[in-house]
């Protein structure tokens, strides 16, 4: 979770509203993204690939 009062991170990550999620690797590369409800199982599966 990121708090960004300027919304610059939202723009950079293509986030247009809530809820949305992005999973990034340690270098900041996008691994996966979700719009709407963020499914826990999908997040855990994507994180396991890291």
Protein backbone atom coordinates (compact mmCIF):
# COMPACT_ATOMS: atom_id res chain seq x y z
CA UNK A 1 0.00 0.00 0.00
CA UNK A 2 1.30 3.41 -0.95
CA UNK A 3 0.08 6.82 0.16
CA UNK A 4 0.83 9.43 -2.48
CA UNK A 5 -0.92 12.75 -1.96
CA UNK A 6 0.29 13.93 -5.38
CA UNK A 7 -1.07 10.82 -7.16
CA UNK A 8 2.13 10.70 -9.23
CA UNK A 9 2.53 6.99 -8.43
CA UNK A 10 -1.05 6.36 -9.59
CA UNK A 11 -0.25 7.98 -12.92
CA UNK A 12 3.02 6.06 -13.26
CA UNK A 13 1.29 2.73 -12.52
CA UNK A 14 -1.82 3.44 -14.59
CA UNK A 15 -4.17 3.39 -11.60
CA UNK A 16 -7.40 5.23 -12.28
CA UNK A 17 -9.42 4.42 -9.16
CA UNK A 18 -9.83 2.11 -6.21
CA UNK A 19 -9.60 -0.73 -5.57
CA UNK A 20 -6.71 -1.61 -7.83
CA UNK A 21 -3.45 -3.38 -7.16
CA UNK A 22 -0.07 -3.81 -8.75
CA UNK A 23 2.60 -6.33 -7.83
CA UNK A 24 6.12 -5.17 -8.61
CA UNK A 25 9.41 -7.02 -8.38
CA UNK A 26 12.35 -5.63 -6.43
CA UNK A 27 13.42 -3.62 -9.49
CA UNK A 28 10.02 -2.04 -9.93
CA UNK A 29 8.98 -4.17 -12.93
CA UNK A 30 5.27 -4.95 -13.10
CA UNK A 31 4.54 -8.61 -12.36
CA UNK A 32 0.73 -8.48 -12.21
CA UNK A 33 -2.13 -6.05 -11.83
CA UNK A 34 -5.75 -6.18 -10.73
CA UNK A 35 -8.75 -3.89 -11.15
CA UNK A 36 -11.58 -4.24 -8.69
CA UNK A 37 -11.45 -6.84 -5.95
CA UNK A 38 -7.89 -8.10 -5.51
CA UNK A 39 -7.99 -11.91 -5.28
CA UNK A 40 -5.72 -13.12 -2.48
CA UNK A 41 -4.97 -16.43 -4.19
CA UNK A 42 -3.85 -14.73 -7.40
CA UNK A 43 -1.62 -12.35 -5.44
CA UNK A 44 0.01 -15.22 -3.54
CA UNK A 45 0.50 -17.21 -6.75
CA UNK A 46 2.11 -14.25 -8.54
CA UNK A 47 4.29 -13.45 -5.51
CA UNK A 48 5.50 -17.06 -5.39
CA UNK A 49 7.07 -16.58 -8.84
CA UNK A 50 9.38 -13.95 -7.42
